[in-house]
PDB file of N, CA and C in Angstrom:
ATOM      1  N   MET A   1      99.827-110.815 -80.742  1.00  0.00           N
ATOM      2  CA  MET A   1     100.029-109.536 -81.398  1.00  0.00           C
ATOM      3  C   MET A   1     100.700-108.594 -80.396  1.00  0.00           C
ATOM      4  N   ASN A   2     101.803-107.980 -80.788  1.00  0.00           N
ATOM      5  CA  ASN A   2     102.493-107.095 -79.856  1.00  0.00           C
ATOM      6  C   ASN A   2     101.868-105.698 -79.865  1.00  0.00           C
ATOM      7  N   ASP A   3     102.325-104.844 -78.936  1.00  0.00           N
ATOM      8  CA  ASP A   3     101.757-103.504 -78.794  1.00  0.00           C
ATOM      9  C   ASP A   3     101.910-102.686 -80.061  1.00  0.00           C
ATOM     10  N   LYS A   4     103.036-102.843 -80.750  1.00  0.00           N
ATOM     11  CA  LYS A   4     103.304-102.055 -81.949  1.00  0.00           C
ATOM     12  C   LYS A   4     102.295-102.381 -83.052  1.00  0.00           C
ATOM     13  N   SER A   5     102.004-103.666 -83.272  1.00  0.00           N
ATOM     14  CA  SER A   5     101.059-104.023 -84.322  1.00  0.00           C
ATOM     15  C   SER A   5      99.624-103.680 -83.919  1.00  0.00           C
ATOM     16  N   LYS A   6      99.289-103.766 -82.634  1.00  0.00           N
ATOM     17  CA  LYS A   6      97.968-103.342 -82.168  1.00  0.00           C
ATOM     18  C   LYS A   6      97.779-101.853 -82.452  1.00  0.00           C
ATOM     19  N   GLU A   7      98.812-101.094 -82.154  1.00  0.00           N
ATOM     20  CA  GLU A   7      98.803 -99.653 -82.340  1.00  0.00           C
ATOM     21  C   GLU A   7      98.572 -99.295 -83.805  1.00  0.00           C
ATOM     22  N   LYS A   8      99.281 -99.973 -84.712  1.00  0.00           N
ATOM     23  CA  LYS A   8      99.178 -99.656 -86.124  1.00  0.00           C
ATOM     24  C   LYS A   8      97.807 -99.980 -86.700  1.00  0.00           C
ATOM     25  N   ASN A   9      97.053-100.877 -86.052  1.00  0.00           N
ATOM     26  CA  ASN A   9      95.722-101.231 -86.536  1.00  0.00           C
ATOM     27  C   ASN A   9      94.660-100.225 -86.099  1.00  0.00           C
ATOM     28  N   LEU A  10      94.996 -99.333 -85.188  1.00  0.00           N
ATOM     29  CA  LEU A  10      94.035 -98.349 -84.712  1.00  0.00           C
ATOM     30  C   LEU A  10      93.984 -97.162 -85.665  1.00  0.00           C
ATOM     31  N   ASP A  11      92.773 -96.732 -86.003  1.00  0.00           N
ATOM     32  CA  ASP A  11      92.669 -95.524 -86.801  1.00  0.00           C
ATOM     33  C   ASP A  11      92.846 -94.307 -85.885  1.00  0.00           C
ATOM     34  N   PHE A  12      92.872 -93.147 -86.476  1.00  0.00           N
ATOM     35  CA  PHE A  12      93.151 -91.930 -85.717  1.00  0.00           C
ATOM     36  C   PHE A  12      92.117 -91.701 -84.620  1.00  0.00           C
ATOM     37  N   GLU A  13      90.843 -91.854 -84.961  1.00  0.00           N
ATOM     38  CA  GLU A  13      89.791 -91.565 -83.993  1.00  0.00           C
ATOM     39  C   GLU A  13      89.854 -92.507 -82.795  1.00  0.00           C
ATOM     40  N   LYS A  14      90.087 -93.796 -83.043  1.00  0.00           N
ATOM     41  CA  LYS A  14      90.180 -94.752 -81.946  1.00  0.00           C
ATOM     42  C   LYS A  14      91.427 -94.488 -81.107  1.00  0.00           C
ATOM     43  N   SER A  15      92.526 -94.141 -81.766  1.00  0.00           N
ATOM     44  CA  SER A  15      93.764 -93.830 -81.049  1.00  0.00           C
ATOM     45  C   SER A  15      93.578 -92.606 -80.165  1.00  0.00           C
ATOM     46  N   LEU A  16      92.928 -91.598 -80.715  1.00  0.00           N
ATOM     47  CA  LEU A  16      92.705 -90.370 -79.961  1.00  0.00           C
ATOM     48  C   LEU A  16      91.777 -90.619 -78.772  1.00  0.00           C
ATOM     49  N   ALA A  17      90.735 -91.415 -78.972  1.00  0.00           N
ATOM     50  CA  ALA A  17      89.824 -91.740 -77.872  1.00  0.00           C
ATOM     51  C   ALA A  17      90.557 -92.499 -76.768  1.00  0.00           C
ATOM     52  N   LYS A  18      91.401 -93.440 -77.162  1.00  0.00           N
ATOM     53  CA  LYS A  18      92.180 -94.205 -76.186  1.00  0.00           C
ATOM     54  C   LYS A  18      93.147 -93.273 -75.440  1.00  0.00           C
ATOM     55  N   LEU A  19      93.745 -92.349 -76.162  1.00  0.00           N
ATOM     56  CA  LEU A  19      94.656 -91.382 -75.550  1.00  0.00           C
ATOM     57  C   LEU A  19      93.916 -90.489 -74.551  1.00  0.00           C
ATOM     58  N   GLU A  20      92.702 -90.072 -74.894  1.00  0.00           N
ATOM     59  CA  GLU A  20      91.907 -89.262 -73.974  1.00  0.00           C
ATOM     60  C   GLU A  20      91.583 -90.034 -72.695  1.00  0.00           C
ATOM     61  N   ASN A  21      91.288 -91.329 -72.833  1.00  0.00           N
ATOM     62  CA  ASN A  21      91.033 -92.165 -71.650  1.00  0.00           C
ATOM     63  C   ASN A  21      92.276 -92.282 -70.776  1.00  0.00           C
ATOM     64  N   ILE A  22      93.426 -92.396 -71.402  1.00  0.00           N
ATOM     65  CA  ILE A  22      94.688 -92.474 -70.670  1.00  0.00           C
ATOM     66  C   ILE A  22      94.924 -91.187 -69.888  1.00  0.00           C
ATOM     67  N   ILE A  23      94.678 -90.069 -70.546  1.00  0.00           N
ATOM     68  CA  ILE A  23      94.873 -88.773 -69.887  1.00  0.00           C
ATOM     69  C   ILE A  23      93.964 -88.656 -68.668  1.00  0.00           C
ATOM     70  N   GLU A  24      92.699 -89.047 -68.838  1.00  0.00           N
ATOM     71  CA  GLU A  24      91.763 -89.001 -67.711  1.00  0.00           C
ATOM     72  C   GLU A  24      92.232 -89.882 -66.552  1.00  0.00           C
ATOM     73  N   ALA A  25      92.689 -91.092 -66.880  1.00  0.00           N
ATOM     74  CA  ALA A  25      93.152 -92.022 -65.838  1.00  0.00           C
ATOM     75  C   ALA A  25      94.356 -91.456 -65.099  1.00  0.00           C
ATOM     76  N   LEU A  26      95.271 -90.844 -65.834  1.00  0.00           N
ATOM     77  CA  LEU A  26      96.459 -90.279 -65.192  1.00  0.00           C
ATOM     78  C   LEU A  26      96.104 -89.041 -64.366  1.00  0.00           C
ATOM     79  N   GLU A  27      95.175 -88.230 -64.874  1.00  0.00           N
ATOM     80  CA  GLU A  27      94.778 -87.033 -64.132  1.00  0.00           C
ATOM     81  C   GLU A  27      94.016 -87.375 -62.855  1.00  0.00           C
ATOM     82  N   ASP A  28      93.295 -88.506 -62.859  1.00  0.00           N
ATOM     83  CA  ASP A  28      92.578 -88.922 -61.655  1.00  0.00           C
ATOM     84  C   ASP A  28      93.536 -89.201 -60.504  1.00  0.00           C
ATOM     85  N   GLY A  29      94.734 -89.667 -60.837  1.00  0.00           N
ATOM     86  CA  GLY A  29      95.735 -89.917 -59.814  1.00  0.00           C
ATOM     87  C   GLY A  29      95.473 -91.143 -58.958  1.00  0.00           C
ATOM     88  N   GLU A  30      94.591 -92.022 -59.391  1.00  0.00           N
ATOM     89  CA  GLU A  30      94.237 -93.203 -58.604  1.00  0.00           C
ATOM     90  C   GLU A  30      95.086 -94.429 -58.955  1.00  0.00           C
ATOM     91  N   LEU A  31      95.844 -94.385 -60.042  1.00  0.00           N
ATOM     92  CA  LEU A  31      96.640 -95.535 -60.460  1.00  0.00           C
ATOM     93  C   LEU A  31      97.890 -95.673 -59.597  1.00  0.00           C
ATOM     94  N   PRO A  32      98.284 -96.907 -59.298  1.00  0.00           N
ATOM     95  CA  PRO A  32      99.562 -97.111 -58.602  1.00  0.00           C
ATOM     96  C   PRO A  32     100.713 -96.629 -59.504  1.00  0.00           C
ATOM     97  N   LEU A  33     101.848 -96.362 -58.910  1.00  0.00           N
ATOM     98  CA  LEU A  33     102.976 -95.788 -59.635  1.00  0.00           C
ATOM     99  C   LEU A  33     103.374 -96.626 -60.859  1.00  0.00           C
ATOM    100  N   ASN A  34     103.548 -97.931 -60.677  1.00  0.00           N
ATOM    101  CA  ASN A  34     103.966 -98.777 -61.804  1.00  0.00           C
ATOM    102  C   ASN A  34     102.956 -98.749 -62.939  1.00  0.00           C
ATOM    103  N   GLU A  35     101.678 -98.790 -62.596  1.00  0.00           N
ATOM    104  CA  GLU A  35     100.635 -98.749 -63.620  1.00  0.00           C
ATOM    105  C   GLU A  35     100.585 -97.368 -64.278  1.00  0.00           C
ATOM    106  N   SER A  36     100.830 -96.331 -63.510  1.00  0.00           N
ATOM    107  CA  SER A  36     100.879 -94.976 -64.070  1.00  0.00           C
ATOM    108  C   SER A  36     101.988 -94.861 -65.108  1.00  0.00           C
ATOM    109  N   ILE A  37     103.136 -95.436 -64.797  1.00  0.00           N
ATOM    110  CA  ILE A  37     104.269 -95.383 -65.724  1.00  0.00           C
ATOM    111  C   ILE A  37     103.936 -96.146 -67.004  1.00  0.00           C
ATOM    112  N   LYS A  38     103.376 -97.356 -66.875  1.00  0.00           N
ATOM    113  CA  LYS A  38     102.996 -98.139 -68.057  1.00  0.00           C
ATOM    114  C   LYS A  38     101.941 -97.406 -68.884  1.00  0.00           C
ATOM    115  N   THR A  39     100.983 -96.804 -68.200  1.00  0.00           N
ATOM    116  CA  THR A  39      99.925 -96.065 -68.880  1.00  0.00           C
ATOM    117  C   THR A  39     100.499 -94.850 -69.599  1.00  0.00           C
ATOM    118  N   PHE A  40     101.425 -94.163 -68.947  1.00  0.00           N
ATOM    119  CA  PHE A  40     102.075 -93.015 -69.561  1.00  0.00           C
ATOM    120  C   PHE A  40     102.845 -93.442 -70.815  1.00  0.00           C
ATOM    121  N   GLU A  41     103.569 -94.556 -70.726  1.00  0.00           N
ATOM    122  CA  GLU A  41     104.316 -95.070 -71.883  1.00  0.00           C
ATOM    123  C   GLU A  41     103.364 -95.382 -73.043  1.00  0.00           C
ATOM    124  N   GLU A  42     102.232 -95.981 -72.723  1.00  0.00           N
ATOM    125  CA  GLU A  42     101.244 -96.272 -73.761  1.00  0.00           C
ATOM    126  C   GLU A  42     100.737 -94.970 -74.392  1.00  0.00           C
ATOM    127  N   GLY A  43     100.535 -93.965 -73.560  1.00  0.00           N
ATOM    128  CA  GLY A  43     100.096 -92.660 -74.059  1.00  0.00           C
ATOM    129  C   GLY A  43     101.112 -92.027 -74.990  1.00  0.00           C
ATOM    130  N   VAL A  44     102.386 -92.154 -74.658  1.00  0.00           N
ATOM    131  CA  VAL A  44     103.443 -91.611 -75.516  1.00  0.00           C
ATOM    132  C   VAL A  44     103.433 -92.323 -76.870  1.00  0.00           C
ATOM    133  N   LYS A  45     103.280 -93.661 -76.847  1.00  0.00           N
ATOM    134  CA  LYS A  45     103.220 -94.429 -78.100  1.00  0.00           C
ATOM    135  C   LYS A  45     102.016 -94.011 -78.938  1.00  0.00           C
ATOM    136  N   LEU A  46     100.880 -93.844 -78.287  1.00  0.00           N
ATOM    137  CA  LEU A  46      99.677 -93.424 -79.013  1.00  0.00           C
ATOM    138  C   LEU A  46      99.829 -92.018 -79.582  1.00  0.00           C
ATOM    139  N   THR A  47     100.483 -91.134 -78.825  1.00  0.00           N
ATOM    140  CA  THR A  47     100.731 -89.779 -79.313  1.00  0.00           C
ATOM    141  C   THR A  47     101.576 -89.816 -80.579  1.00  0.00           C
ATOM    142  N   LYS A  48     102.630 -90.629 -80.563  1.00  0.00           N
ATOM    143  CA  LYS A  48     103.484 -90.767 -81.745  1.00  0.00           C
ATOM    144  C   LYS A  48     102.704 -91.345 -82.917  1.00  0.00           C
ATOM    145  N   HIS A  49     101.863 -92.351 -82.628  1.00  0.00           N
ATOM    146  CA  HIS A  49     101.049 -92.969 -83.668  1.00  0.00           C
ATOM    147  C   HIS A  49     100.096 -91.941 -84.294  1.00  0.00           C
ATOM    148  N   CYS A  50      99.436 -91.152 -83.455  1.00  0.00           N
ATOM    149  CA  CYS A  50      98.525 -90.115 -83.955  1.00  0.00           C
ATOM    150  C   CYS A  50      99.281 -89.087 -84.792  1.00  0.00           C
ATOM    151  N   GLN A  51     100.462 -88.712 -84.338  1.00  0.00           N
ATOM    152  CA  GLN A  51     101.265 -87.740 -85.081  1.00  0.00           C
ATOM    153  C   GLN A  51     101.661 -88.297 -86.448  1.00  0.00           C
ATOM    154  N   GLU A  52     102.014 -89.578 -86.492  1.00  0.00           N
ATOM    155  CA  GLU A  52     102.352 -90.211 -87.771  1.00  0.00           C
ATOM    156  C   GLU A  52     101.153 -90.208 -88.713  1.00  0.00           C
ATOM    157  N   LEU A  53      99.978 -90.523 -88.177  1.00  0.00           N
ATOM    158  CA  LEU A  53      98.768 -90.530 -89.000  1.00  0.00           C
ATOM    159  C   LEU A  53      98.449 -89.128 -89.518  1.00  0.00           C
ATOM    160  N   LEU A  54      98.626 -88.120 -88.675  1.00  0.00           N
ATOM    161  CA  LEU A  54      98.391 -86.740 -89.105  1.00  0.00           C
ATOM    162  C   LEU A  54      99.387 -86.313 -90.171  1.00  0.00           C
ATOM    163  N   THR A  55     100.634 -86.705 -90.025  1.00  0.00           N
ATOM    164  CA  THR A  55     101.655 -86.379 -91.015  1.00  0.00           C
ATOM    165  C   THR A  55     101.321 -87.028 -92.355  1.00  0.00           C
ATOM    166  N   LYS A  56     100.907 -88.305 -92.320  1.00  0.00           N
ATOM    167  CA  LYS A  56     100.524 -88.995 -93.557  1.00  0.00           C
ATOM    168  C   LYS A  56      99.335 -88.311 -94.215  1.00  0.00           C
ATOM    169  N   ALA A  57      98.367 -87.893 -93.412  1.00  0.00           N
ATOM    170  CA  ALA A  57      97.195 -87.205 -93.952  1.00  0.00           C
ATOM    171  C   ALA A  57      97.595 -85.885 -94.590  1.00  0.00           C
ATOM    172  N   GLU A  58      98.489 -85.161 -93.935  1.00  0.00           N
ATOM    173  CA  GLU A  58      98.960 -83.888 -94.474  1.00  0.00           C
ATOM    174  C   GLU A  58      99.665 -84.095 -95.806  1.00  0.00           C
ATOM    175  N   LEU A  59     100.516 -85.120 -95.884  1.00  0.00           N
ATOM    176  CA  LEU A  59     101.220 -85.405 -97.133  1.00  0.00           C
ATOM    177  C   LEU A  59     100.240 -85.793 -98.241  1.00  0.00           C
ATOM    178  N   LYS A  60      99.224 -86.533 -97.878  1.00  0.00           N
ATOM    179  CA  LYS A  60      98.216 -86.932 -98.851  1.00  0.00           C
ATOM    180  C   LYS A  60      97.466 -85.709 -99.377  1.00  0.00           C
ATOM    181  N   ILE A  61      97.118 -84.803 -98.483  1.00  0.00           N
ATOM    182  CA  ILE A  61      96.431 -83.569 -98.889  1.00  0.00           C
ATOM    183  C   ILE A  61      97.327 -82.737 -99.795  1.00  0.00           C
ATOM    184  N   GLN A  62      98.619 -82.630 -99.432  1.00  0.00           N
ATOM    185  CA  GLN A  62      99.539 -81.877-100.272  1.00  0.00           C
ATOM    186  C   GLN A  62      99.627 -82.494-101.658  1.00  0.00           C
ATOM    187  N   LYS A  63      99.652 -83.815-101.710  1.00  0.00           N
ATOM    188  CA  LYS A  63      99.725 -84.489-102.997  1.00  0.00           C
ATOM    189  C   LYS A  63      98.468 -84.203-103.814  1.00  0.00           C
ATOM    190  N   LEU A  64      97.324 -84.206-103.150  1.00  0.00           N
ATOM    191  CA  LEU A  64      96.075 -83.920-103.844  1.00  0.00           C
ATOM    192  C   LEU A  64      96.031 -82.494-104.379  1.00  0.00           C
ATOM    193  N   LEU A  65      96.725 -81.588-103.717  1.00  0.00           N
ATOM    194  CA  LEU A  65      96.733 -80.188-104.138  1.00  0.00           C
ATOM    195  C   LEU A  65      97.853 -79.876-105.129  1.00  0.00           C
ATOM    196  N   GLU A  66      98.665 -80.879-105.474  1.00  0.00           N
ATOM    197  CA  GLU A  66      99.769 -80.662-106.389  1.00  0.00           C
ATOM    198  C   GLU A  66      99.229 -80.372-107.795  1.00  0.00           C
ATOM    199  N   LYS A  67      99.760 -79.333-108.421  1.00  0.00           N
ATOM    200  CA  LYS A  67      99.328 -78.952-109.763  1.00  0.00           C
ATOM    201  C   LYS A  67     100.004 -79.846-110.799  1.00  0.00           C
ATOM    202  N   ASP A  68      99.536 -79.746-112.031  1.00  0.00           N
ATOM    203  CA  ASP A  68     100.100 -80.536-113.126  1.00  0.00           C
ATOM    204  C   ASP A  68     101.583 -80.253-113.348  1.00  0.00           C
ATOM    205  N   ASP A  69     102.009 -79.023-113.080  1.00  0.00           N
ATOM    206  CA  ASP A  69     103.420 -78.677-113.288  1.00  0.00           C
ATOM    207  C   ASP A  69     104.302 -79.068-112.103  1.00  0.00           C
ATOM    208  N   GLY A  70     103.721 -79.732-111.109  1.00  0.00           N
ATOM    209  CA  GLY A  70     104.498 -80.213-109.970  1.00  0.00           C
ATOM    210  C   GLY A  70     104.530 -79.268-108.787  1.00  0.00           C
ATOM    211  N   THR A  71     104.044 -78.047-108.957  1.00  0.00           N
ATOM    212  CA  THR A  71     104.029 -77.113-107.835  1.00  0.00           C
ATOM    213  C   THR A  71     102.819 -77.396-106.960  1.00  0.00           C
ATOM    214  N   LEU A  72     102.962 -77.044-105.712  1.00  0.00           N
ATOM    215  CA  LEU A  72     101.866 -77.257-104.774  1.00  0.00           C
ATOM    216  C   LEU A  72     101.027 -75.998-104.659  1.00  0.00           C
ATOM    217  N   ASP A  73      99.751 -76.177-104.683  1.00  0.00           N
ATOM    218  CA  ASP A  73      98.825 -75.081-104.465  1.00  0.00           C
ATOM    219  C   ASP A  73      98.257 -75.257-103.069  1.00  0.00           C
ATOM    220  N   LEU A  74      99.028 -74.821-102.075  1.00  0.00           N
ATOM    221  CA  LEU A  74      98.611 -74.985-100.698  1.00  0.00           C
ATOM    222  C   LEU A  74      97.674 -73.841-100.293  1.00  0.00           C
ATOM    223  N   GLU A  75      96.570 -74.226 -99.704  1.00  0.00           N
ATOM    224  CA  GLU A  75      95.596 -73.247 -99.262  1.00  0.00           C
ATOM    225  C   GLU A  75      95.336 -73.462 -97.785  1.00  0.00           C
ATOM    226  N   ASP A  76      94.930 -72.415 -97.111  1.00  0.00           N
ATOM    227  CA  ASP A  76      94.541 -72.551 -95.712  1.00  0.00           C
ATOM    228  C   ASP A  76      93.241 -73.330 -95.634  1.00  0.00           C
ATOM    229  N   PHE A  77      93.108 -74.129 -94.584  1.00  0.00           N
ATOM    230  CA  PHE A  77      91.874 -74.834 -94.350  1.00  0.00           C
ATOM    231  C   PHE A  77      90.963 -73.908 -93.564  1.00  0.00           C
ATOM    232  N   ASP A  78      89.878 -73.461 -94.196  1.00  0.00           N
ATOM    233  CA  ASP A  78      88.924 -72.670 -93.449  1.00  0.00           C
ATOM    234  C   ASP A  78      87.562 -73.311 -93.537  1.00  0.00           C
ATOM    235  N   ASP A  79      86.708 -72.890 -92.665  1.00  0.00           N
ATOM    236  CA  ASP A  79      85.354 -73.446 -92.618  1.00  0.00           C
ATOM    237  C   ASP A  79      84.489 -72.713 -93.620  1.00  0.00           C
ATOM    238  N   LYS A  80      84.444 -73.207 -94.831  1.00  0.00           N
ATOM    239  CA  LYS A  80      83.634 -72.586 -95.866  1.00  0.00           C
ATOM    240  C   LYS A  80      82.321 -73.294 -95.989  1.00  0.00           C
TER     241      LYS A  80
END
């Protein structure tokens, strides 16, 4: 299984947790340069994956809020 298909199998929460671990590892500064670069590349891929998942979720929410006449009834998300 290549990196791309592994990435697509991760849900948002697992992707975000993995991304947080990557950030911690890079901030520690203990990784050798080559490993830092590979880790950074993985982080960029995970960031893109998370962004795609968020975009899909947003589109799904917009679709759920679509009225019968086709207009969107977009509301702010507040803590009610």
